[in-house]
Amino acid sequence: MSENPQVKAILEHIETRERELADQAGQFRVRIEELTRQLGELDAESENLRITRKTLLALPLPSPATGPDRPGIPDHPAYQQILTALADAGRPMRARDLCQALDLPILPKNTEGIRSKLKRLVSLKFPHDHGQRMFTLRG
């Protein structure tokens, strides 16, 4: 090394800076390896999705004849509430009993509304009408 103190200070500064740059380069290499791994995972998942899409598009559509034997429950939540109340009761119920189970006031408009929904459900083969306006779920 040089005996000149100014040159010695500059050389030490250069060595320090070289170590800092080597450390930063090492950190960047580690980050590049991690990003490369993550990119590989994303590419693999993307390829899996492409294959899944291709497979699904190649499947034939089901024929309408393979559908359920009975139509589904109507979309309105009241029908599901009625069926739930019938299932919970486990016994034949009248429209008035269902109004009570559903916390509806016992008024003609409510009982008639429940009764009409029950009749629709009976036509869809969900509850069973025992006559005398008594309904239970089909067992």
Foldseek 3Di string as FASTA:
>chain_A
DDPDPVVVVVVVVVVVVVVVVVVVVVVVVVVVVVVVVVVVVVVVVVVVVVVVVVVVVPDDDDDPVPDDPFDDQDPDCVLVLQQVLLVVVVFWDALQVSCVSVVHPNDPVSSVVSLVSVVVVVVRVAWDQPPVRTIHGDD
